[in-house]
PDB file of N, CA and C in Angstrom:
ATOM      1  N   UNK A   1      -4.370 -23.856  -5.652  1.00  0.00           N
ATOM      2  CA  UNK A   1      -5.209 -22.664  -5.191  1.00  0.00           C
ATOM      3  C   UNK A   1      -5.196 -23.147  -3.650  1.00  0.00           C
ATOM      4  N   UNK A   2      -5.132 -21.383  -3.203  1.00  0.00           N
ATOM      5  CA  UNK A   2      -4.903 -21.024  -1.190  1.00  0.00           C
ATOM      6  C   UNK A   2      -6.388 -20.417  -1.505  1.00  0.00           C
ATOM      7  N   UNK A   3      -6.673 -20.721  -0.063  1.00  0.00           N
ATOM      8  CA  UNK A   3      -8.185 -20.346   0.365  1.00  0.00           C
ATOM      9  C   UNK A   3      -7.508 -19.481   1.832  1.00  0.00           C
ATOM     10  N   UNK A   4      -7.826 -18.452   2.355  1.00  0.00           N
ATOM     11  CA  UNK A   4      -7.361 -18.828   3.652  1.00  0.00           C
ATOM     12  C   UNK A   4      -8.350 -16.846   4.612  1.00  0.00           C
ATOM     13  N   UNK A   5      -8.441 -16.742   5.259  1.00  0.00           N
ATOM     14  CA  UNK A   5      -8.854 -15.512   6.099  1.00  0.00           C
ATOM     15  C   UNK A   5      -7.927 -14.295   6.339  1.00  0.00           C
ATOM     16  N   UNK A   6      -7.412 -13.076   5.522  1.00  0.00           N
ATOM     17  CA  UNK A   6      -6.987 -12.407   5.465  1.00  0.00           C
ATOM     18  C   UNK A   6      -5.735 -12.190   7.138  1.00  0.00           C
ATOM     19  N   UNK A   7      -6.616 -12.235   7.607  1.00  0.00           N
ATOM     20  CA  UNK A   7      -5.971 -11.744   9.364  1.00  0.00           C
ATOM     21  C   UNK A   7      -5.020 -12.802  10.213  1.00  0.00           C
ATOM     22  N   UNK A   8      -4.969 -14.007   9.404  1.00  0.00           N
ATOM     23  CA  UNK A   8      -4.155 -14.946   9.694  1.00  0.00           C
ATOM     24  C   UNK A   8      -2.915 -14.617   8.948  1.00  0.00           C
ATOM     25  N   UNK A   9      -2.878 -13.832   8.460  1.00  0.00           N
ATOM     26  CA  UNK A   9      -0.779 -13.472   7.342  1.00  0.00           C
ATOM     27  C   UNK A   9      -1.047 -12.551   8.783  1.00  0.00           C
ATOM     28  N   UNK A  10       0.924 -12.527   9.252  1.00  0.00           N
ATOM     29  CA  UNK A  10       0.733 -11.484  10.588  1.00  0.00           C
ATOM     30  C   UNK A  10       1.080  -9.987   9.242  1.00  0.00           C
ATOM     31  N   UNK A  11       0.791  -8.887  10.245  1.00  0.00           N
ATOM     32  CA  UNK A  11       1.037  -7.911   9.620  1.00  0.00           C
ATOM     33  C   UNK A  11       3.077  -6.730  10.335  1.00  0.00           C
ATOM     34  N   UNK A  12       3.098  -6.574   9.137  1.00  0.00           N
ATOM     35  CA  UNK A  12       4.489  -6.092   9.188  1.00  0.00           C
ATOM     36  C   UNK A  12       4.739  -5.129   9.197  1.00  0.00           C
ATOM     37  N   UNK A  13       5.933  -4.241   9.655  1.00  0.00           N
ATOM     38  CA  UNK A  13       5.910  -2.838   9.590  1.00  0.00           C
ATOM     39  C   UNK A  13       6.160  -2.460   8.594  1.00  0.00           C
ATOM     40  N   UNK A  14       5.895  -1.223   7.719  1.00  0.00           N
ATOM     41  CA  UNK A  14       6.910  -0.451   6.968  1.00  0.00           C
ATOM     42  C   UNK A  14       7.937   0.416   7.071  1.00  0.00           C
ATOM     43  N   UNK A  15       9.082   0.120   6.568  1.00  0.00           N
ATOM     44  CA  UNK A  15       9.979   1.035   6.734  1.00  0.00           C
ATOM     45  C   UNK A  15      10.439   0.928   8.722  1.00  0.00           C
ATOM     46  N   UNK A  16       9.665   2.076   9.802  1.00  0.00           N
ATOM     47  CA  UNK A  16      10.201   2.755  10.574  1.00  0.00           C
ATOM     48  C   UNK A  16       8.202   1.897  11.989  1.00  0.00           C
ATOM     49  N   UNK A  17       9.126   1.352  12.748  1.00  0.00           N
ATOM     50  CA  UNK A  17       7.058   1.521  13.214  1.00  0.00           C
ATOM     51  C   UNK A  17       6.738   3.326  13.561  1.00  0.00           C
ATOM     52  N   UNK A  18       7.085   3.830  13.571  1.00  0.00           N
ATOM     53  CA  UNK A  18       7.150   5.224  13.954  1.00  0.00           C
ATOM     54  C   UNK A  18       6.021   5.484  12.870  1.00  0.00           C
ATOM     55  N   UNK A  19       6.233   5.831  11.516  1.00  0.00           N
ATOM     56  CA  UNK A  19       5.600   6.167  10.094  1.00  0.00           C
ATOM     57  C   UNK A  19       4.556   5.544  10.521  1.00  0.00           C
ATOM     58  N   UNK A  20       3.618   4.093  10.928  1.00  0.00           N
ATOM     59  CA  UNK A  20       2.357   3.860  11.325  1.00  0.00           C
ATOM     60  C   UNK A  20       1.864   3.314  10.724  1.00  0.00           C
ATOM     61  N   UNK A  21       3.039   2.499   9.615  1.00  0.00           N
ATOM     62  CA  UNK A  21       1.964   2.040   8.638  1.00  0.00           C
ATOM     63  C   UNK A  21       2.545   0.574   8.650  1.00  0.00           C
ATOM     64  N   UNK A  22       2.067  -0.163   7.905  1.00  0.00           N
ATOM     65  CA  UNK A  22       2.167  -1.868   8.027  1.00  0.00           C
ATOM     66  C   UNK A  22       1.248  -2.650   7.124  1.00  0.00           C
ATOM     67  N   UNK A  23       2.180  -3.294   6.979  1.00  0.00           N
ATOM     68  CA  UNK A  23       1.372  -4.301   5.778  1.00  0.00           C
ATOM     69  C   UNK A  23       1.252  -5.850   6.046  1.00  0.00           C
ATOM     70  N   UNK A  24       0.576  -7.103   5.560  1.00  0.00           N
ATOM     71  CA  UNK A  24       0.565  -8.016   5.229  1.00  0.00           C
ATOM     72  C   UNK A  24       1.059  -8.720   4.231  1.00  0.00           C
ATOM     73  N   UNK A  25       1.628  -9.783   3.451  1.00  0.00           N
ATOM     74  CA  UNK A  25       1.626 -10.107   1.625  1.00  0.00           C
ATOM     75  C   UNK A  25       0.394 -11.187   2.154  1.00  0.00           C
ATOM     76  N   UNK A  26      -0.321 -10.528   1.539  1.00  0.00           N
ATOM     77  CA  UNK A  26      -1.466 -12.337   0.887  1.00  0.00           C
ATOM     78  C   UNK A  26      -1.109 -12.885  -0.536  1.00  0.00           C
ATOM     79  N   UNK A  27      -0.484 -12.597  -1.338  1.00  0.00           N
ATOM     80  CA  UNK A  27      -0.099 -12.946  -2.517  1.00  0.00           C
ATOM     81  C   UNK A  27       0.953 -12.589  -3.075  1.00  0.00           C
ATOM     82  N   UNK A  28       1.875 -13.633  -2.934  1.00  0.00           N
ATOM     83  CA  UNK A  28       3.543 -13.555  -3.138  1.00  0.00           C
ATOM     84  C   UNK A  28       3.945 -14.551  -3.654  1.00  0.00           C
ATOM     85  N   UNK A  29       5.590 -14.487  -3.967  1.00  0.00           N
ATOM     86  CA  UNK A  29       6.497 -15.868  -4.769  1.00  0.00           C
ATOM     87  C   UNK A  29       6.144 -17.002  -4.136  1.00  0.00           C
ATOM     88  N   UNK A  30       6.486 -16.353  -2.891  1.00  0.00           N
ATOM     89  CA  UNK A  30       6.354 -17.569  -1.455  1.00  0.00           C
ATOM     90  C   UNK A  30       5.014 -18.667  -1.558  1.00  0.00           C
ATOM     91  N   UNK A  31       4.766 -17.731  -2.244  1.00  0.00           N
ATOM     92  CA  UNK A  31       3.365 -18.575  -1.984  1.00  0.00           C
ATOM     93  C   UNK A  31       2.852 -19.596  -3.473  1.00  0.00           C
ATOM     94  N   UNK A  32       4.048 -19.573  -4.225  1.00  0.00           N
ATOM     95  CA  UNK A  32       3.668 -19.854  -5.781  1.00  0.00           C
ATOM     96  C   UNK A  32       3.226 -18.718  -6.926  1.00  0.00           C
ATOM     97  N   UNK A  33       2.896 -17.500  -5.917  1.00  0.00           N
ATOM     98  CA  UNK A  33       2.252 -16.475  -7.012  1.00  0.00           C
ATOM     99  C   UNK A  33       4.166 -15.833  -7.977  1.00  0.00           C
ATOM    100  N   UNK A  34       4.516 -16.335  -8.995  1.00  0.00           N
ATOM    101  CA  UNK A  34       5.800 -15.936  -9.572  1.00  0.00           C
ATOM    102  C   UNK A  34       5.892 -14.507 -10.560  1.00  0.00           C
ATOM    103  N   UNK A  35       4.312 -13.935 -10.936  1.00  0.00           N
ATOM    104  CA  UNK A  35       4.285 -12.633 -11.172  1.00  0.00           C
ATOM    105  C   UNK A  35       3.628 -11.271 -10.723  1.00  0.00           C
ATOM    106  N   UNK A  36       3.228 -11.869  -9.908  1.00  0.00           N
ATOM    107  CA  UNK A  36       2.721 -10.070  -9.249  1.00  0.00           C
ATOM    108  C   UNK A  36       2.513 -10.667  -7.309  1.00  0.00           C
ATOM    109  N   UNK A  37       1.794  -9.511  -6.412  1.00  0.00           N
ATOM    110  CA  UNK A  37       1.941  -9.900  -5.185  1.00  0.00           C
ATOM    111  C   UNK A  37       0.857  -8.425  -4.834  1.00  0.00           C
ATOM    112  N   UNK A  38      -0.132  -9.299  -4.268  1.00  0.00           N
ATOM    113  CA  UNK A  38      -1.211  -8.529  -3.427  1.00  0.00           C
ATOM    114  C   UNK A  38      -0.694  -8.344  -2.068  1.00  0.00           C
ATOM    115  N   UNK A  39      -0.418  -7.201  -1.038  1.00  0.00           N
ATOM    116  CA  UNK A  39      -0.504  -6.545   0.179  1.00  0.00           C
ATOM    117  C   UNK A  39      -1.429  -5.712   0.504  1.00  0.00           C
ATOM    118  N   UNK A  40      -2.614  -6.144   1.505  1.00  0.00           N
ATOM    119  CA  UNK A  40      -3.373  -5.619   2.215  1.00  0.00           C
ATOM    120  C   UNK A  40      -1.800  -4.242   3.376  1.00  0.00           C
ATOM    121  N   UNK A  41      -2.663  -2.774   3.329  1.00  0.00           N
ATOM    122  CA  UNK A  41      -2.004  -1.847   3.877  1.00  0.00           C
ATOM    123  C   UNK A  41      -2.523  -1.462   5.065  1.00  0.00           C
ATOM    124  N   UNK A  42      -2.131  -1.190   6.052  1.00  0.00           N
ATOM    125  CA  UNK A  42      -3.161  -0.716   7.313  1.00  0.00           C
ATOM    126  C   UNK A  42      -1.633   0.225   7.457  1.00  0.00           C
ATOM    127  N   UNK A  43      -2.651   1.868   7.285  1.00  0.00           N
ATOM    128  CA  UNK A  43      -2.110   3.281   7.960  1.00  0.00           C
ATOM    129  C   UNK A  43      -2.919   3.631   9.460  1.00  0.00           C
ATOM    130  N   UNK A  44      -2.655   3.376  10.802  1.00  0.00           N
ATOM    131  CA  UNK A  44      -2.937   4.426  11.827  1.00  0.00           C
ATOM    132  C   UNK A  44      -3.251   5.832  11.322  1.00  0.00           C
ATOM    133  N   UNK A  45      -4.339   6.342  11.842  1.00  0.00           N
ATOM    134  CA  UNK A  45      -4.988   8.144  11.949  1.00  0.00           C
ATOM    135  C   UNK A  45      -3.379   8.539  11.900  1.00  0.00           C
ATOM    136  N   UNK A  46      -2.898   9.935  10.792  1.00  0.00           N
ATOM    137  CA  UNK A  46      -1.996   9.996  11.201  1.00  0.00           C
ATOM    138  C   UNK A  46      -0.664  10.041  10.593  1.00  0.00           C
ATOM    139  N   UNK A  47      -0.836   8.283  10.631  1.00  0.00           N
ATOM    140  CA  UNK A  47       0.291   8.179   9.802  1.00  0.00           C
ATOM    141  C   UNK A  47       0.224   8.180   8.463  1.00  0.00           C
ATOM    142  N   UNK A  48       1.892   7.586   7.682  1.00  0.00           N
ATOM    143  CA  UNK A  48       2.123   7.514   6.094  1.00  0.00           C
ATOM    144  C   UNK A  48       2.957   6.545   6.123  1.00  0.00           C
ATOM    145  N   UNK A  49       2.812   6.073   4.253  1.00  0.00           N
ATOM    146  CA  UNK A  49       3.754   5.766   4.016  1.00  0.00           C
ATOM    147  C   UNK A  49       4.877   6.521   4.109  1.00  0.00           C
ATOM    148  N   UNK A  50       6.370   6.182   3.762  1.00  0.00           N
ATOM    149  CA  UNK A  50       7.167   7.158   2.744  1.00  0.00           C
ATOM    150  C   UNK A  50       7.378   7.945   1.721  1.00  0.00           C
ATOM    151  N   UNK A  51       7.322   8.729   1.540  1.00  0.00           N
ATOM    152  CA  UNK A  51       7.055   9.306  -0.213  1.00  0.00           C
ATOM    153  C   UNK A  51       9.037   9.076  -0.741  1.00  0.00           C
ATOM    154  N   UNK A  52       7.898   8.149  -1.507  1.00  0.00           N
ATOM    155  CA  UNK A  52       8.879   7.258  -2.295  1.00  0.00           C
ATOM    156  C   UNK A  52       8.591   7.062  -4.152  1.00  0.00           C
ATOM    157  N   UNK A  53       9.359   5.841  -4.863  1.00  0.00           N
ATOM    158  CA  UNK A  53       8.914   5.804  -5.909  1.00  0.00           C
ATOM    159  C   UNK A  53       9.072   4.469  -5.814  1.00  0.00           C
ATOM    160  N   UNK A  54       9.059   3.871  -7.178  1.00  0.00           N
ATOM    161  CA  UNK A  54       9.234   2.386  -7.762  1.00  0.00           C
ATOM    162  C   UNK A  54       9.600   2.520  -9.000  1.00  0.00           C
ATOM    163  N   UNK A  55      10.473   1.213  -9.464  1.00  0.00           N
ATOM    164  CA  UNK A  55      10.962   1.456 -11.063  1.00  0.00           C
ATOM    165  C   UNK A  55       9.646   0.537 -11.873  1.00  0.00           C
ATOM    166  N   UNK A  56       9.056   0.555 -11.251  1.00  0.00           N
ATOM    167  CA  UNK A  56       7.380  -0.329 -11.504  1.00  0.00           C
ATOM    168  C   UNK A  56       5.953   0.648 -11.503  1.00  0.00           C
ATOM    169  N   UNK A  57       5.033  -0.116 -12.196  1.00  0.00           N
ATOM    170  CA  UNK A  57       3.695   0.540 -12.295  1.00  0.00           C
ATOM    171  C   UNK A  57       2.798  -0.643 -10.965  1.00  0.00           C
ATOM    172  N   UNK A  58       2.072   0.662 -10.259  1.00  0.00           N
ATOM    173  CA  UNK A  58       0.882  -0.553  -9.129  1.00  0.00           C
ATOM    174  C   UNK A  58      -0.257  -0.131  -9.368  1.00  0.00           C
ATOM    175  N   UNK A  59      -1.381  -0.738  -8.551  1.00  0.00           N
ATOM    176  CA  UNK A  59      -2.394  -0.197  -8.226  1.00  0.00           C
ATOM    177  C   UNK A  59      -2.592  -0.552  -6.683  1.00  0.00           C
ATOM    178  N   UNK A  60      -2.954   0.627  -6.416  1.00  0.00           N
ATOM    179  CA  UNK A  60      -4.047   0.394  -5.411  1.00  0.00           C
ATOM    180  C   UNK A  60      -5.360   0.272  -4.839  1.00  0.00           C
ATOM    181  N   UNK A  61      -5.790  -0.600  -4.064  1.00  0.00           N
ATOM    182  CA  UNK A  61      -7.780  -0.083  -4.411  1.00  0.00           C
ATOM    183  C   UNK A  61      -8.036   0.153  -2.120  1.00  0.00           C
ATOM    184  N   UNK A  62      -8.875   0.704  -2.263  1.00  0.00           N
ATOM    185  CA  UNK A  62      -8.821   1.796  -1.034  1.00  0.00           C
ATOM    186  C   UNK A  62     -10.733   0.599  -0.415  1.00  0.00           C
ATOM    187  N   UNK A  63     -10.112   0.448   1.040  1.00  0.00           N
ATOM    188  CA  UNK A  63     -10.706  -0.798   1.594  1.00  0.00           C
ATOM    189  C   UNK A  63     -11.247  -0.052   2.646  1.00  0.00           C
ATOM    190  N   UNK A  64     -11.458   0.784   3.427  1.00  0.00           N
ATOM    191  CA  UNK A  64     -11.762   1.336   4.690  1.00  0.00           C
ATOM    192  C   UNK A  64     -11.181   2.675   4.722  1.00  0.00           C
ATOM    193  N   UNK A  65     -11.174   3.621   5.853  1.00  0.00           N
ATOM    194  CA  UNK A  65     -11.190   4.737   6.104  1.00  0.00           C
ATOM    195  C   UNK A  65     -10.859   5.549   5.181  1.00  0.00           C
ATOM    196  N   UNK A  66      -9.814   6.846   5.793  1.00  0.00           N
ATOM    197  CA  UNK A  66     -10.491   8.230   4.651  1.00  0.00           C
ATOM    198  C   UNK A  66      -8.831   8.684   4.466  1.00  0.00           C
ATOM    199  N   UNK A  67      -8.601   9.289   3.753  1.00  0.00           N
ATOM    200  CA  UNK A  67      -7.680   9.531   3.839  1.00  0.00           C
ATOM    201  C   UNK A  67      -6.670  10.642   2.427  1.00  0.00           C
ATOM    202  N   UNK A  68      -5.241  10.605   1.687  1.00  0.00           N
ATOM    203  CA  UNK A  68      -5.475  11.173   0.864  1.00  0.00           C
ATOM    204  C   UNK A  68      -3.516  10.914   0.140  1.00  0.00           C
ATOM    205  N   UNK A  69      -3.416  10.657  -1.175  1.00  0.00           N
ATOM    206  CA  UNK A  69      -2.284  10.776  -1.720  1.00  0.00           C
ATOM    207  C   UNK A  69      -1.817  12.053  -2.069  1.00  0.00           C
ATOM    208  N   UNK A  70      -0.371  11.862  -1.993  1.00  0.00           N
ATOM    209  CA  UNK A  70       0.599  12.972  -2.284  1.00  0.00           C
ATOM    210  C   UNK A  70       1.431  12.483  -3.808  1.00  0.00           C
ATOM    211  N   UNK A  71       1.520  13.434  -4.682  1.00  0.00           N
ATOM    212  CA  UNK A  71       1.821  13.303  -5.932  1.00  0.00           C
ATOM    213  C   UNK A  71       2.083  14.254  -6.287  1.00  0.00           C
ATOM    214  N   UNK A  72       3.159  14.366  -7.379  1.00  0.00           N
ATOM    215  CA  UNK A  72       4.009  15.804  -8.222  1.00  0.00           C
ATOM    216  C   UNK A  72       2.796  16.472  -8.879  1.00  0.00           C
ATOM    217  N   UNK A  73       1.736  16.516  -8.722  1.00  0.00           N
ATOM    218  CA  UNK A  73       0.489  17.192  -9.159  1.00  0.00           C
ATOM    219  C   UNK A  73      -0.243  17.609  -7.948  1.00  0.00           C
ATOM    220  N   UNK A  74      -0.089  18.064  -6.671  1.00  0.00           N
ATOM    221  CA  UNK A  74      -0.938  17.487  -5.700  1.00  0.00           C
ATOM    222  C   UNK A  74      -0.925  16.744  -4.915  1.00  0.00           C
ATOM    223  N   UNK A  75      -2.181  17.279  -3.792  1.00  0.00           N
ATOM    224  CA  UNK A  75      -2.498  16.389  -2.883  1.00  0.00           C
ATOM    225  C   UNK A  75      -4.353  15.937  -3.013  1.00  0.00           C
ATOM    226  N   UNK A  76      -4.896  14.786  -3.262  1.00  0.00           N
ATOM    227  CA  UNK A  76      -6.167  14.074  -3.604  1.00  0.00           C
ATOM    228  C   UNK A  76      -6.544  13.481  -2.898  1.00  0.00           C
ATOM    229  N   UNK A  77      -7.834  13.624  -1.963  1.00  0.00           N
ATOM    230  CA  UNK A  77      -8.611  12.841  -0.464  1.00  0.00           C
ATOM    231  C   UNK A  77      -8.999  11.226  -1.790  1.00  0.00           C
ATOM    232  N   UNK A  78      -8.416  10.830  -0.632  1.00  0.00           N
ATOM    233  CA  UNK A  78      -8.787   8.811  -0.823  1.00  0.00           C
ATOM    234  C   UNK A  78      -9.873   8.858  -0.128  1.00  0.00           C
ATOM    235  N   UNK A  79     -11.165   8.152  -0.721  1.00  0.00           N
ATOM    236  CA  UNK A  79     -11.854   7.095   0.055  1.00  0.00           C
ATOM    237  C   UNK A  79     -12.068   5.864  -0.665  1.00  0.00           C
ATOM    238  N   UNK A  80     -13.086   5.120   0.607  1.00  0.00           N
ATOM    239  CA  UNK A  80     -13.207   3.632  -0.025  1.00  0.00           C
ATOM    240  C   UNK A  80     -14.007   3.061  -1.348  1.00  0.00           C
ATOM    241  N   UNK A  81     -13.210   2.129  -1.976  1.00  0.00           N
ATOM    242  CA  UNK A  81     -13.234   1.619  -3.371  1.00  0.00           C
ATOM    243  C   UNK A  81     -12.710   2.804  -4.560  1.00  0.00           C
ATOM    244  N   UNK A  82     -11.961   3.673  -4.137  1.00  0.00           N
ATOM    245  CA  UNK A  82     -11.029   4.519  -4.528  1.00  0.00           C
ATOM    246  C   UNK A  82     -10.105   3.422  -5.168  1.00  0.00           C
ATOM    247  N   UNK A  83      -9.277   3.663  -7.062  1.00  0.00           N
ATOM    248  CA  UNK A  83      -8.431   2.587  -7.187  1.00  0.00           C
ATOM    249  C   UNK A  83      -7.463   3.843  -7.694  1.00  0.00           C
ATOM    250  N   UNK A  84      -6.610   3.397  -7.558  1.00  0.00           N
ATOM    251  CA  UNK A  84      -5.161   4.468  -7.967  1.00  0.00           C
ATOM    252  C   UNK A  84      -3.873   3.681  -9.303  1.00  0.00           C
ATOM    253  N   UNK A  85      -4.180   4.397 -10.092  1.00  0.00           N
ATOM    254  CA  UNK A  85      -3.147   3.657 -10.372  1.00  0.00           C
ATOM    255  C   UNK A  85      -1.465   4.438 -11.094  1.00  0.00           C
ATOM    256  N   UNK A  86      -0.505   4.026 -10.349  1.00  0.00           N
ATOM    257  CA  UNK A  86       1.176   4.419  -9.809  1.00  0.00           C
ATOM    258  C   UNK A  86       1.809   4.356 -11.087  1.00  0.00           C
ATOM    259  N   UNK A  87       2.110   5.155 -11.673  1.00  0.00           N
ATOM    260  CA  UNK A  87       2.862   4.761 -13.434  1.00  0.00           C
ATOM    261  C   UNK A  87       4.620   4.258 -12.714  1.00  0.00           C
ATOM    262  N   UNK A  88       5.506   3.553 -13.186  1.00  0.00           N
ATOM    263  CA  UNK A  88       6.565   3.435 -12.521  1.00  0.00           C
ATOM    264  C   UNK A  88       7.731   4.709 -12.559  1.00  0.00           C
ATOM    265  N   UNK A  89       8.143   4.641 -11.315  1.00  0.00           N
ATOM    266  CA  UNK A  89       9.375   5.717 -10.880  1.00  0.00           C
ATOM    267  C   UNK A  89       7.833   7.160 -10.538  1.00  0.00           C
ATOM    268  N   UNK A  90       6.675   6.957 -10.553  1.00  0.00           N
ATOM    269  CA  UNK A  90       5.904   8.098  -9.904  1.00  0.00           C
ATOM    270  C   UNK A  90       6.348   8.532  -8.130  1.00  0.00           C
ATOM    271  N   UNK A  91       6.435   9.534  -7.930  1.00  0.00           N
ATOM    272  CA  UNK A  91       6.673   9.935  -6.232  1.00  0.00           C
ATOM    273  C   UNK A  91       5.206   9.825  -6.030  1.00  0.00           C
ATOM    274  N   UNK A  92       5.327   8.799  -4.992  1.00  0.00           N
ATOM    275  CA  UNK A  92       3.693   9.334  -4.246  1.00  0.00           C
ATOM    276  C   UNK A  92       3.948   8.936  -2.532  1.00  0.00           C
ATOM    277  N   UNK A  93       3.010   9.384  -2.309  1.00  0.00           N
ATOM    278  CA  UNK A  93       3.047   8.991  -0.786  1.00  0.00           C
ATOM    279  C   UNK A  93       1.306   9.088  -0.100  1.00  0.00           C
ATOM    280  N   UNK A  94       1.232   7.874   0.133  1.00  0.00           N
ATOM    281  CA  UNK A  94      -0.918   7.870   1.154  1.00  0.00           C
ATOM    282  C   UNK A  94      -0.694   8.311   2.871  1.00  0.00           C
ATOM    283  N   UNK A  95      -1.188   9.033   3.475  1.00  0.00           N
ATOM    284  CA  UNK A  95      -1.306   9.796   4.230  1.00  0.00           C
ATOM    285  C   UNK A  95      -2.845   9.663   5.104  1.00  0.00           C
ATOM    286  N   UNK A  96      -2.808   8.963   6.093  1.00  0.00           N
ATOM    287  CA  UNK A  96      -4.339   8.541   6.677  1.00  0.00           C
ATOM    288  C   UNK A  96      -4.607  10.225   7.331  1.00  0.00           C
ATOM    289  N   UNK A  97      -5.690  10.428   7.437  1.00  0.00           N
ATOM    290  CA  UNK A  97      -6.039  12.137   7.783  1.00  0.00           C
ATOM    291  C   UNK A  97      -6.940  11.362   7.896  1.00  0.00           C
ATOM    292  N   UNK A  98      -7.654  10.492   8.907  1.00  0.00           N
ATOM    293  CA  UNK A  98      -8.956  10.106   8.853  1.00  0.00           C
ATOM    294  C   UNK A  98      -8.945  10.208  10.939  1.00  0.00           C
ATOM    295  N   UNK A  99      -9.780   8.999  11.211  1.00  0.00           N
ATOM    296  CA  UNK A  99     -10.323   8.879  12.328  1.00  0.00           C
ATOM    297  C   UNK A  99     -10.019   7.641  13.225  1.00  0.00           C
ATOM    298  N   UNK A 100      -9.990   7.002  11.895  1.00  0.00           N
ATOM    299  CA  UNK A 100      -9.999   4.990  11.911  1.00  0.00           C
ATOM    300  C   UNK A 100      -8.999   4.667  10.846  1.00  0.00           C
ATOM    301  N   UNK A 101      -7.924   3.131  11.242  1.00  0.00           N
ATOM    302  CA  UNK A 101      -7.285   3.367  10.188  1.00  0.00           C
ATOM    303  C   UNK A 101      -7.536   2.874   8.710  1.00  0.00           C
ATOM    304  N   UNK A 102      -7.232   3.042   7.887  1.00  0.00           N
ATOM    305  CA  UNK A 102      -6.535   3.609   5.824  1.00  0.00           C
ATOM    306  C   UNK A 102      -6.669   2.033   6.180  1.00  0.00           C
ATOM    307  N   UNK A 103      -7.108   1.260   5.151  1.00  0.00           N
ATOM    308  CA  UNK A 103      -7.176   0.281   4.580  1.00  0.00           C
ATOM    309  C   UNK A 103      -6.745   0.148   3.547  1.00  0.00           C
ATOM    310  N   UNK A 104      -5.852  -0.166   2.429  1.00  0.00           N
ATOM    311  CA  UNK A 104      -6.352  -0.288   1.265  1.00  0.00           C
ATOM    312  C   UNK A 104      -5.205  -1.889   0.335  1.00  0.00           C
ATOM    313  N   UNK A 105      -5.445  -2.079  -0.891  1.00  0.00           N
ATOM    314  CA  UNK A 105      -4.922  -3.362  -1.014  1.00  0.00           C
ATOM    315  C   UNK A 105      -3.630  -2.816  -1.981  1.00  0.00           C
ATOM    316  N   UNK A 106      -2.945  -3.419  -2.301  1.00  0.00           N
ATOM    317  CA  UNK A 106      -1.410  -2.775  -2.986  1.00  0.00           C
ATOM    318  C   UNK A 106      -1.693  -3.593  -4.149  1.00  0.00           C
ATOM    319  N   UNK A 107      -1.541  -3.717  -4.973  1.00  0.00           N
ATOM    320  CA  UNK A 107      -1.207  -4.968  -6.309  1.00  0.00           C
ATOM    321  C   UNK A 107       0.230  -4.034  -6.600  1.00  0.00           C
ATOM    322  N   UNK A 108       0.812  -4.771  -6.794  1.00  0.00           N
ATOM    323  CA  UNK A 108       2.795  -5.285  -7.724  1.00  0.00           C
ATOM    324  C   UNK A 108       3.146  -6.245  -8.049  1.00  0.00           C
ATOM    325  N   UNK A 109       4.153  -5.880  -9.027  1.00  0.00           N
ATOM    326  CA  UNK A 109       4.867  -7.157  -9.936  1.00  0.00           C
ATOM    327  C   UNK A 109       5.612  -7.591  -8.043  1.00  0.00           C
ATOM    328  N   UNK A 110       6.315  -9.050  -8.556  1.00  0.00           N
ATOM    329  CA  UNK A 110       7.171  -9.456  -7.767  1.00  0.00           C
ATOM    330  C   UNK A 110       8.280  -8.497  -8.020  1.00  0.00           C
ATOM    331  N   UNK A 111       9.027  -8.325  -8.160  1.00  0.00           N
ATOM    332  CA  UNK A 111      10.463  -7.768  -8.630  1.00  0.00           C
ATOM    333  C   UNK A 111      10.716  -6.687  -7.757  1.00  0.00           C
ATOM    334  N   UNK A 112      10.774  -6.129  -6.421  1.00  0.00           N
ATOM    335  CA  UNK A 112      11.103  -5.366  -5.896  1.00  0.00           C
ATOM    336  C   UNK A 112      11.838  -4.260  -5.774  1.00  0.00           C
ATOM    337  N   UNK A 113      12.355  -3.686  -6.364  1.00  0.00           N
ATOM    338  CA  UNK A 113      13.444  -2.682  -6.404  1.00  0.00           C
ATOM    339  C   UNK A 113      12.550  -1.391  -5.842  1.00  0.00           C
ATOM    340  N   UNK A 114      13.561  -0.988  -5.068  1.00  0.00           N
ATOM    341  CA  UNK A 114      12.834   0.997  -4.268  1.00  0.00           C
ATOM    342  C   UNK A 114      13.851   1.665  -4.395  1.00  0.00           C
ATOM    343  N   UNK A 115      13.230   3.145  -4.455  1.00  0.00           N
ATOM    344  CA  UNK A 115      14.326   4.551  -4.397  1.00  0.00           C
ATOM    345  C   UNK A 115      12.785   4.915  -3.259  1.00  0.00           C
ATOM    346  N   UNK A 116      13.834   5.187  -1.990  1.00  0.00           N
ATOM    347  CA  UNK A 116      12.629   6.264  -0.868  1.00  0.00           C
ATOM    348  C   UNK A 116      13.512   6.964  -1.081  1.00  0.00           C
ATOM    349  N   UNK A 117      12.919   8.316  -1.149  1.00  0.00           N
ATOM    350  CA  UNK A 117      12.988   9.731  -0.638  1.00  0.00           C
ATOM    351  C   UNK A 117      13.287  10.221   1.208  1.00  0.00           C
TER     352      UNK A 117
END
């Protein structure tokens, strides 16, 4: 068992610092979890993730802030305590539309192949 405070894990930029998105790997293979990862993602006001897809399913759980998810059917608002399920190969982007940092957990399988657009 591992027990630690999330902020002890350093944040790293996702893609380029210019997009304003960072993550910290809270649970991953390096700590002994062979099947899944949990990342805490932070997006600055006005920032976003890249518009991308993954060949695997994953889930997100919004912790703080407000934003929107861009998907093939349009854009939907995001608020704390909402859950997203994203199917394999589904294009998506998370944008921070609020005035404070948008934070969410991303739960994914260990395999990390991505297709960025």
